[in-house]
Amino acid sequence: MEMNLTSEELSQLRVSQYETSDKVVFVKATCILMVADGYTMDSIANSLGVVVSTVYRYLKSYLSVGLKDFLGYKNVYIILFLVSIKYNIKKRVL
């Protein structure tokens, strides 16, 4: 399945992977990133230790509700804050 993420979505998903201690948030973010990278549903499920139906459920949820609701409000506010800090630091360095 082909899926294109914006650079902001990519950043938010990657930050959520590294900054969360919640396994479900990590798996959800990684799942969407792997779909966007072109991995098969079977390989995603095997890599993340979930069943294929979970991968499809996460993808359907992400596409229907968007990133904020997909990961949960609390996590997205933290992610947006961290991405803005990263962007500001990068902007100052350049």
PDB file of N, CA and C in Angstrom:
ATOM      1  N   MET A   1       0.847  -1.184   0.000  1.00  0.00           N
ATOM      2  CA  MET A   1       0.000   0.000   0.000  1.00  0.00           C
ATOM      3  C   MET A   1       0.886   1.239   0.000  1.00  0.00           C
ATOM      4  N   GLU A   2       0.539   2.187  -0.836  1.00  0.00           N
ATOM      5  CA  GLU A   2       1.311   3.428  -0.892  1.00  0.00           C
ATOM      6  C   GLU A   2       0.673   4.469   0.025  1.00  0.00           C
ATOM      7  N   MET A   3       1.524   5.107   0.808  1.00  0.00           N
ATOM      8  CA  MET A   3       1.051   6.118   1.749  1.00  0.00           C
ATOM      9  C   MET A   3       2.103   7.209   1.838  1.00  0.00           C
ATOM     10  N   ASN A   4       1.674   8.445   1.654  1.00  0.00           N
ATOM     11  CA  ASN A   4       2.595   9.573   1.737  1.00  0.00           C
ATOM     12  C   ASN A   4       2.325  10.371   2.999  1.00  0.00           C
ATOM     13  N   LEU A   5       3.370  10.590   3.774  1.00  0.00           N
ATOM     14  CA  LEU A   5       3.267  11.392   4.986  1.00  0.00           C
ATOM     15  C   LEU A   5       3.962  12.725   4.752  1.00  0.00           C
ATOM     16  N   THR A   6       3.432  13.768   5.366  1.00  0.00           N
ATOM     17  CA  THR A   6       4.101  15.063   5.295  1.00  0.00           C
ATOM     18  C   THR A   6       5.342  15.016   6.172  1.00  0.00           C
ATOM     19  N   SER A   7       6.233  15.968   5.968  1.00  0.00           N
ATOM     20  CA  SER A   7       7.441  16.007   6.800  1.00  0.00           C
ATOM     21  C   SER A   7       7.075  16.241   8.266  1.00  0.00           C
ATOM     22  N   GLU A   8       6.023  16.989   8.513  1.00  0.00           N
ATOM     23  CA  GLU A   8       5.572  17.215   9.894  1.00  0.00           C
ATOM     24  C   GLU A   8       5.054  15.921  10.516  1.00  0.00           C
ATOM     25  N   GLU A   9       4.276  15.163   9.749  1.00  0.00           N
ATOM     26  CA  GLU A   9       3.776  13.882  10.252  1.00  0.00           C
ATOM     27  C   GLU A   9       4.935  12.924  10.536  1.00  0.00           C
ATOM     28  N   LEU A  10       5.892  12.871   9.612  1.00  0.00           N
ATOM     29  CA  LEU A  10       7.065  12.016   9.829  1.00  0.00           C
ATOM     30  C   LEU A  10       7.788  12.395  11.105  1.00  0.00           C
ATOM     31  N   SER A  11       8.010  13.689  11.295  1.00  0.00           N
ATOM     32  CA  SER A  11       8.700  14.161  12.501  1.00  0.00           C
ATOM     33  C   SER A  11       7.926  13.810  13.758  1.00  0.00           C
ATOM     34  N   GLN A  12       6.630  14.031  13.731  1.00  0.00           N
ATOM     35  CA  GLN A  12       5.808  13.755  14.908  1.00  0.00           C
ATOM     36  C   GLN A  12       5.796  12.272  15.237  1.00  0.00           C
ATOM     37  N   LEU A  13       5.710  11.434  14.219  1.00  0.00           N
ATOM     38  CA  LEU A  13       5.711   9.992  14.455  1.00  0.00           C
ATOM     39  C   LEU A  13       7.066   9.520  14.967  1.00  0.00           C
ATOM     40  N   ARG A  14       8.135  10.036  14.414  1.00  0.00           N
ATOM     41  CA  ARG A  14       9.472   9.631  14.873  1.00  0.00           C
ATOM     42  C   ARG A  14       9.738  10.082  16.299  1.00  0.00           C
ATOM     43  N   VAL A  15       9.346  11.299  16.606  1.00  0.00           N
ATOM     44  CA  VAL A  15       9.529  11.787  17.978  1.00  0.00           C
ATOM     45  C   VAL A  15       8.699  10.949  18.940  1.00  0.00           C
ATOM     46  N   SER A  16       7.483  10.589  18.530  1.00  0.00           N
ATOM     47  CA  SER A  16       6.644   9.778  19.421  1.00  0.00           C
ATOM     48  C   SER A  16       7.267   8.415  19.670  1.00  0.00           C
ATOM     49  N   GLN A  17       7.980   7.867  18.684  1.00  0.00           N
ATOM     50  CA  GLN A  17       8.683   6.598  18.888  1.00  0.00           C
ATOM     51  C   GLN A  17       9.741   6.719  19.972  1.00  0.00           C
ATOM     52  N   TYR A  18      10.518   7.763  19.907  1.00  0.00           N
ATOM     53  CA  TYR A  18      11.679   7.895  20.786  1.00  0.00           C
ATOM     54  C   TYR A  18      11.353   8.475  22.158  1.00  0.00           C
ATOM     55  N   GLU A  19      10.290   9.232  22.246  1.00  0.00           N
ATOM     56  CA  GLU A  19      10.007   9.937  23.493  1.00  0.00           C
ATOM     57  C   GLU A  19       8.977   9.248  24.374  1.00  0.00           C
ATOM     58  N   THR A  20       8.309   8.229  23.863  1.00  0.00           N
ATOM     59  CA  THR A  20       7.270   7.599  24.665  1.00  0.00           C
ATOM     60  C   THR A  20       7.799   6.398  25.437  1.00  0.00           C
ATOM     61  N   SER A  21       7.204   6.150  26.566  1.00  0.00           N
ATOM     62  CA  SER A  21       7.474   4.920  27.302  1.00  0.00           C
ATOM     63  C   SER A  21       6.279   3.977  27.180  1.00  0.00           C
ATOM     64  N   ASP A  22       5.270   4.421  26.434  1.00  0.00           N
ATOM     65  CA  ASP A  22       4.048   3.653  26.213  1.00  0.00           C
ATOM     66  C   ASP A  22       4.244   2.740  25.006  1.00  0.00           C
ATOM     67  N   LYS A  23       4.234   1.436  25.232  1.00  0.00           N
ATOM     68  CA  LYS A  23       4.477   0.468  24.157  1.00  0.00           C
ATOM     69  C   LYS A  23       3.452   0.597  23.036  1.00  0.00           C
ATOM     70  N   VAL A  24       2.206   0.843  23.365  1.00  0.00           N
ATOM     71  CA  VAL A  24       1.160   0.941  22.343  1.00  0.00           C
ATOM     72  C   VAL A  24       1.424   2.131  21.425  1.00  0.00           C
ATOM     73  N   VAL A  25       1.793   3.267  21.990  1.00  0.00           N
ATOM     74  CA  VAL A  25       2.096   4.449  21.178  1.00  0.00           C
ATOM     75  C   VAL A  25       3.288   4.161  20.270  1.00  0.00           C
ATOM     76  N   PHE A  26       4.310   3.504  20.818  1.00  0.00           N
ATOM     77  CA  PHE A  26       5.481   3.153  20.020  1.00  0.00           C
ATOM     78  C   PHE A  26       5.099   2.265  18.842  1.00  0.00           C
ATOM     79  N   VAL A  27       4.313   1.231  19.106  1.00  0.00           N
ATOM     80  CA  VAL A  27       3.919   0.294  18.051  1.00  0.00           C
ATOM     81  C   VAL A  27       3.047   0.987  17.015  1.00  0.00           C
ATOM     82  N   LYS A  28       2.120   1.829  17.448  1.00  0.00           N
ATOM     83  CA  LYS A  28       1.265   2.552  16.504  1.00  0.00           C
ATOM     84  C   LYS A  28       2.087   3.453  15.593  1.00  0.00           C
ATOM     85  N   ALA A  29       2.987   4.226  16.168  1.00  0.00           N
ATOM     86  CA  ALA A  29       3.815   5.143  15.377  1.00  0.00           C
ATOM     87  C   ALA A  29       4.705   4.365  14.413  1.00  0.00           C
ATOM     88  N   THR A  30       5.318   3.305  14.893  1.00  0.00           N
ATOM     89  CA  THR A  30       6.198   2.493  14.051  1.00  0.00           C
ATOM     90  C   THR A  30       5.421   1.830  12.923  1.00  0.00           C
ATOM     91  N   CYS A  31       4.241   1.381  13.214  1.00  0.00           N
ATOM     92  CA  CYS A  31       3.380   0.761  12.214  1.00  0.00           C
ATOM     93  C   CYS A  31       3.119   1.723  11.052  1.00  0.00           C
ATOM     94  N   ILE A  32       2.726   2.932  11.359  1.00  0.00           N
ATOM     95  CA  ILE A  32       2.427   3.911  10.305  1.00  0.00           C
ATOM     96  C   ILE A  32       3.688   4.263   9.526  1.00  0.00           C
ATOM     97  N   LEU A  33       4.803   4.418  10.210  1.00  0.00           N
ATOM     98  CA  LEU A  33       6.062   4.711   9.521  1.00  0.00           C
ATOM     99  C   LEU A  33       6.465   3.572   8.593  1.00  0.00           C
ATOM    100  N   MET A  34       6.253   2.343   9.018  1.00  0.00           N
ATOM    101  CA  MET A  34       6.610   1.196   8.184  1.00  0.00           C
ATOM    102  C   MET A  34       5.691   1.086   6.971  1.00  0.00           C
ATOM    103  N   VAL A  35       4.415   1.385   7.143  1.00  0.00           N
ATOM    104  CA  VAL A  35       3.495   1.403   6.000  1.00  0.00           C
ATOM    105  C   VAL A  35       3.970   2.442   4.992  1.00  0.00           C
ATOM    106  N   ALA A  36       4.318   3.626   5.479  1.00  0.00           N
ATOM    107  CA  ALA A  36       4.784   4.698   4.602  1.00  0.00           C
ATOM    108  C   ALA A  36       6.089   4.333   3.900  1.00  0.00           C
ATOM    109  N   ASP A  37       6.915   3.500   4.547  1.00  0.00           N
ATOM    110  CA  ASP A  37       8.175   3.059   3.945  1.00  0.00           C
ATOM    111  C   ASP A  37       7.986   1.909   2.960  1.00  0.00           C
ATOM    112  N   GLY A  38       6.760   1.405   2.844  1.00  0.00           N
ATOM    113  CA  GLY A  38       6.464   0.382   1.842  1.00  0.00           C
ATOM    114  C   GLY A  38       6.572  -1.051   2.306  1.00  0.00           C
ATOM    115  N   TYR A  39       6.692  -1.276   3.604  1.00  0.00           N
ATOM    116  CA  TYR A  39       6.724  -2.644   4.115  1.00  0.00           C
ATOM    117  C   TYR A  39       5.362  -3.305   3.922  1.00  0.00           C
ATOM    118  N   THR A  40       5.349  -4.620   3.776  1.00  0.00           N
ATOM    119  CA  THR A  40       4.087  -5.342   3.656  1.00  0.00           C
ATOM    120  C   THR A  40       3.423  -5.435   5.024  1.00  0.00           C
ATOM    121  N   MET A  41       2.121  -5.654   5.014  1.00  0.00           N
ATOM    122  CA  MET A  41       1.387  -5.776   6.268  1.00  0.00           C
ATOM    123  C   MET A  41       1.903  -6.969   7.085  1.00  0.00           C
ATOM    124  N   ASP A  42       2.230  -8.057   6.407  1.00  0.00           N
ATOM    125  CA  ASP A  42       2.765  -9.230   7.100  1.00  0.00           C
ATOM    126  C   ASP A  42       4.108  -8.933   7.763  1.00  0.00           C
ATOM    127  N   SER A  43       4.992  -8.243   7.044  1.00  0.00           N
ATOM    128  CA  SER A  43       6.306  -7.959   7.626  1.00  0.00           C
ATOM    129  C   SER A  43       6.205  -6.964   8.778  1.00  0.00           C
ATOM    130  N   ILE A  44       5.274  -6.025   8.688  1.00  0.00           N
ATOM    131  CA  ILE A  44       5.065  -5.076   9.787  1.00  0.00           C
ATOM    132  C   ILE A  44       4.582  -5.830  11.025  1.00  0.00           C
ATOM    133  N   ALA A  45       3.590  -6.683  10.824  1.00  0.00           N
ATOM    134  CA  ALA A  45       3.040  -7.451  11.943  1.00  0.00           C
ATOM    135  C   ALA A  45       4.119  -8.323  12.587  1.00  0.00           C
ATOM    136  N   ASN A  46       4.901  -8.999  11.771  1.00  0.00           N
ATOM    137  CA  ASN A  46       5.969  -9.856  12.306  1.00  0.00           C
ATOM    138  C   ASN A  46       7.020  -9.040  13.046  1.00  0.00           C
ATOM    139  N   SER A  47       7.395  -7.900  12.500  1.00  0.00           N
ATOM    140  CA  SER A  47       8.427  -7.063  13.127  1.00  0.00           C
ATOM    141  C   SER A  47       7.975  -6.493  14.461  1.00  0.00           C
ATOM    142  N   LEU A  48       6.689  -6.149  14.550  1.00  0.00           N
ATOM    143  CA  LEU A  48       6.177  -5.483  15.753  1.00  0.00           C
ATOM    144  C   LEU A  48       5.539  -6.449  16.757  1.00  0.00           C
ATOM    145  N   GLY A  49       5.430  -7.710  16.377  1.00  0.00           N
ATOM    146  CA  GLY A  49       4.852  -8.691  17.296  1.00  0.00           C
ATOM    147  C   GLY A  49       3.362  -8.553  17.478  1.00  0.00           C
ATOM    148  N   VAL A  50       2.680  -8.147  16.419  1.00  0.00           N
ATOM    149  CA  VAL A  50       1.224  -8.032  16.449  1.00  0.00           C
ATOM    150  C   VAL A  50       0.654  -8.856  15.309  1.00  0.00           C
ATOM    151  N   VAL A  51      -0.650  -9.041  15.294  1.00  0.00           N
ATOM    152  CA  VAL A  51      -1.285  -9.752  14.188  1.00  0.00           C
ATOM    153  C   VAL A  51      -1.573  -8.778  13.057  1.00  0.00           C
ATOM    154  N   VAL A  52      -1.731  -9.301  11.857  1.00  0.00           N
ATOM    155  CA  VAL A  52      -1.939  -8.464  10.674  1.00  0.00           C
ATOM    156  C   VAL A  52      -3.185  -7.598  10.817  1.00  0.00           C
ATOM    157  N   SER A  53      -4.220  -8.122  11.447  1.00  0.00           N
ATOM    158  CA  SER A  53      -5.448  -7.334  11.611  1.00  0.00           C
ATOM    159  C   SER A  53      -5.201  -6.081  12.457  1.00  0.00           C
ATOM    160  N   THR A  54      -4.250  -6.147  13.376  1.00  0.00           N
ATOM    161  CA  THR A  54      -3.902  -4.965  14.181  1.00  0.00           C
ATOM    162  C   THR A  54      -3.262  -3.901  13.314  1.00  0.00           C
ATOM    163  N   VAL A  55      -2.399  -4.310  12.404  1.00  0.00           N
ATOM    164  CA  VAL A  55      -1.765  -3.359  11.484  1.00  0.00           C
ATOM    165  C   VAL A  55      -2.836  -2.653  10.655  1.00  0.00           C
ATOM    166  N   TYR A  56      -3.775  -3.421  10.107  1.00  0.00           N
ATOM    167  CA  TYR A  56      -4.865  -2.825   9.330  1.00  0.00           C
ATOM    168  C   TYR A  56      -5.730  -1.904  10.194  1.00  0.00           C
ATOM    169  N   ARG A  57      -5.998  -2.322  11.430  1.00  0.00           N
ATOM    170  CA  ARG A  57      -6.812  -1.498  12.332  1.00  0.00           C
ATOM    171  C   ARG A  57      -6.118  -0.183  12.650  1.00  0.00           C
ATOM    172  N   TYR A  58      -4.816  -0.231  12.925  1.00  0.00           N
ATOM    173  CA  TYR A  58      -4.065   0.993  13.198  1.00  0.00           C
ATOM    174  C   TYR A  58      -4.047   1.905  11.978  1.00  0.00           C
ATOM    175  N   LEU A  59      -3.845   1.337  10.805  1.00  0.00           N
ATOM    176  CA  LEU A  59      -3.823   2.137   9.577  1.00  0.00           C
ATOM    177  C   LEU A  59      -5.183   2.782   9.328  1.00  0.00           C
ATOM    178  N   LYS A  60      -6.242   2.012   9.466  1.00  0.00           N
ATOM    179  CA  LYS A  60      -7.592   2.542   9.274  1.00  0.00           C
ATOM    180  C   LYS A  60      -7.882   3.663  10.275  1.00  0.00           C
ATOM    181  N   SER A  61      -7.485   3.450  11.512  1.00  0.00           N
ATOM    182  CA  SER A  61      -7.693   4.463  12.547  1.00  0.00           C
ATOM    183  C   SER A  61      -6.919   5.740  12.235  1.00  0.00           C
ATOM    184  N   TYR A  62      -5.654   5.592  11.858  1.00  0.00           N
ATOM    185  CA  TYR A  62      -4.830   6.760  11.523  1.00  0.00           C
ATOM    186  C   TYR A  62      -5.442   7.549  10.373  1.00  0.00           C
ATOM    187  N   LEU A  63      -5.868   6.849   9.325  1.00  0.00           N
ATOM    188  CA  LEU A  63      -6.430   7.524   8.153  1.00  0.00           C
ATOM    189  C   LEU A  63      -7.771   8.178   8.448  1.00  0.00           C
ATOM    190  N   SER A  64      -8.529   7.612   9.375  1.00  0.00           N
ATOM    191  CA  SER A  64      -9.851   8.178   9.643  1.00  0.00           C
ATOM    192  C   SER A  64      -9.853   9.299  10.679  1.00  0.00           C
ATOM    193  N   VAL A  65      -8.965   9.234  11.686  1.00  0.00           N
ATOM    194  CA  VAL A  65      -9.016  10.253  12.743  1.00  0.00           C
ATOM    195  C   VAL A  65      -7.838  11.217  12.739  1.00  0.00           C
ATOM    196  N   GLY A  66      -6.775  10.886  12.028  1.00  0.00           N
ATOM    197  CA  GLY A  66      -5.604  11.766  12.005  1.00  0.00           C
ATOM    198  C   GLY A  66      -4.672  11.483  13.166  1.00  0.00           C
ATOM    199  N   LEU A  67      -3.511  12.110  13.102  1.00  0.00           N
ATOM    200  CA  LEU A  67      -2.435  11.831  14.061  1.00  0.00           C
ATOM    201  C   LEU A  67      -2.811  12.170  15.498  1.00  0.00           C
ATOM    202  N   LYS A  68      -3.429  13.319  15.710  1.00  0.00           N
ATOM    203  CA  LYS A  68      -3.733  13.775  17.073  1.00  0.00           C
ATOM    204  C   LYS A  68      -4.589  12.758  17.827  1.00  0.00           C
ATOM    205  N   ASP A  69      -5.656  12.324  17.219  1.00  0.00           N
ATOM    206  CA  ASP A  69      -6.541  11.369  17.885  1.00  0.00           C
ATOM    207  C   ASP A  69      -5.984   9.952  17.848  1.00  0.00           C
ATOM    208  N   PHE A  70      -5.197   9.638  16.830  1.00  0.00           N
ATOM    209  CA  PHE A  70      -4.616   8.306  16.698  1.00  0.00           C
ATOM    210  C   PHE A  70      -3.667   8.004  17.854  1.00  0.00           C
ATOM    211  N   LEU A  71      -2.797   8.945  18.188  1.00  0.00           N
ATOM    212  CA  LEU A  71      -1.836   8.731  19.275  1.00  0.00           C
ATOM    213  C   LEU A  71      -2.367   9.172  20.630  1.00  0.00           C
ATOM    214  N   GLY A  72      -3.392   9.973  20.653  1.00  0.00           N
ATOM    215  CA  GLY A  72      -3.953  10.492  21.895  1.00  0.00           C
ATOM    216  C   GLY A  72      -3.506  11.924  22.124  1.00  0.00           C
ATOM    217  N   TYR A  73      -4.369  12.759  22.656  1.00  0.00           N
ATOM    218  CA  TYR A  73      -4.091  14.190  22.838  1.00  0.00           C
ATOM    219  C   TYR A  73      -2.820  14.455  23.622  1.00  0.00           C
ATOM    220  N   LYS A  74      -2.665  13.780  24.756  1.00  0.00           N
ATOM    221  CA  LYS A  74      -1.524  14.040  25.628  1.00  0.00           C
ATOM    222  C   LYS A  74      -0.207  13.835  24.876  1.00  0.00           C
ATOM    223  N   ASN A  75      -0.110  12.732  24.157  1.00  0.00           N
ATOM    224  CA  ASN A  75       1.120  12.426  23.435  1.00  0.00           C
ATOM    225  C   ASN A  75       1.396  13.424  22.317  1.00  0.00           C
ATOM    226  N   VAL A  76       0.359  13.849  21.624  1.00  0.00           N
ATOM    227  CA  VAL A  76       0.566  14.765  20.505  1.00  0.00           C
ATOM    228  C   VAL A  76       1.027  16.129  20.980  1.00  0.00           C
ATOM    229  N   TYR A  77       0.512  16.625  22.095  1.00  0.00           N
ATOM    230  CA  TYR A  77       0.980  17.912  22.599  1.00  0.00           C
ATOM    231  C   TYR A  77       2.460  17.853  22.967  1.00  0.00           C
ATOM    232  N   ILE A  78       2.881  16.753  23.566  1.00  0.00           N
ATOM    233  CA  ILE A  78       4.301  16.584  23.887  1.00  0.00           C
ATOM    234  C   ILE A  78       5.113  16.510  22.606  1.00  0.00           C
ATOM    235  N   ILE A  79       4.624  15.767  21.629  1.00  0.00           N
ATOM    236  CA  ILE A  79       5.326  15.617  20.359  1.00  0.00           C
ATOM    237  C   ILE A  79       5.445  16.957  19.648  1.00  0.00           C
ATOM    238  N   LEU A  80       4.354  17.703  19.584  1.00  0.00           N
ATOM    239  CA  LEU A  80       4.400  19.009  18.919  1.00  0.00           C
ATOM    240  C   LEU A  80       5.393  19.932  19.610  1.00  0.00           C
ATOM    241  N   PHE A  81       5.448  19.888  20.916  1.00  0.00           N
ATOM    242  CA  PHE A  81       6.400  20.699  21.662  1.00  0.00           C
ATOM    243  C   PHE A  81       7.831  20.297  21.316  1.00  0.00           C
ATOM    244  N   LEU A  82       8.108  18.993  21.318  1.00  0.00           N
ATOM    245  CA  LEU A  82       9.454  18.512  21.016  1.00  0.00           C
ATOM    246  C   LEU A  82       9.858  18.816  19.576  1.00  0.00           C
ATOM    247  N   VAL A  83       8.922  18.671  18.643  1.00  0.00           N
ATOM    248  CA  VAL A  83       9.215  18.983  17.239  1.00  0.00           C
ATOM    249  C   VAL A  83       9.504  20.470  17.089  1.00  0.00           C
ATOM    250  N   SER A  84       8.745  21.323  17.783  1.00  0.00           N
ATOM    251  CA  SER A  84       8.981  22.761  17.680  1.00  0.00           C
ATOM    252  C   SER A  84      10.346  23.133  18.252  1.00  0.00           C
ATOM    253  N   ILE A  85      10.752  22.485  19.332  1.00  0.00           N
ATOM    254  CA  ILE A  85      12.083  22.736  19.901  1.00  0.00           C
ATOM    255  C   ILE A  85      13.153  22.299  18.900  1.00  0.00           C
ATOM    256  N   LYS A  86      12.984  21.118  18.343  1.00  0.00           N
ATOM    257  CA  LYS A  86      13.947  20.603  17.369  1.00  0.00           C
ATOM    258  C   LYS A  86      14.030  21.536  16.163  1.00  0.00           C
ATOM    259  N   TYR A  87      12.894  22.002  15.678  1.00  0.00           N
ATOM    260  CA  TYR A  87      12.866  22.897  14.524  1.00  0.00           C
ATOM    261  C   TYR A  87      13.564  24.211  14.851  1.00  0.00           C
ATOM    262  N   ASN A  88      13.297  24.769  16.030  1.00  0.00           N
ATOM    263  CA  ASN A  88      13.909  26.028  16.415  1.00  0.00           C
ATOM    264  C   ASN A  88      15.417  25.894  16.568  1.00  0.00           C
ATOM    265  N   ILE A  89      15.864  24.788  17.121  1.00  0.00           N
ATOM    266  CA  ILE A  89      17.310  24.565  17.271  1.00  0.00           C
ATOM    267  C   ILE A  89      17.943  24.432  15.906  1.00  0.00           C
ATOM    268  N   LYS A  90      17.330  23.653  15.032  1.00  0.00           N
ATOM    269  CA  LYS A  90      17.860  23.452  13.686  1.00  0.00           C
ATOM    270  C   LYS A  90      17.888  24.791  12.923  1.00  0.00           C
ATOM    271  N   LYS A  91      16.808  25.567  13.097  1.00  0.00           N
ATOM    272  CA  LYS A  91      16.703  26.854  12.415  1.00  0.00           C
ATOM    273  C   LYS A  91      17.806  27.802  12.873  1.00  0.00           C
ATOM    274  N   ARG A  92      18.111  27.809  14.169  1.00  0.00           N
ATOM    275  CA  ARG A  92      19.161  28.683  14.703  1.00  0.00           C
ATOM    276  C   ARG A  92      20.547  28.260  14.229  1.00  0.00           C
ATOM    277  N   VAL A  93      20.744  26.950  14.108  1.00  0.00           N
ATOM    278  CA  VAL A  93      22.051  26.440  13.666  1.00  0.00           C
ATOM    279  C   VAL A  93      22.305  26.805  12.213  1.00  0.00           C
ATOM    280  N   LEU A  94      21.240  26.725  11.403  1.00  0.00           N
ATOM    281  CA  LEU A  94      21.393  27.048   9.990  1.00  0.00           C
ATOM    282  C   LEU A  94      21.566  28.529   9.854  1.00  0.00           C
TER     283      LEU A  94
END
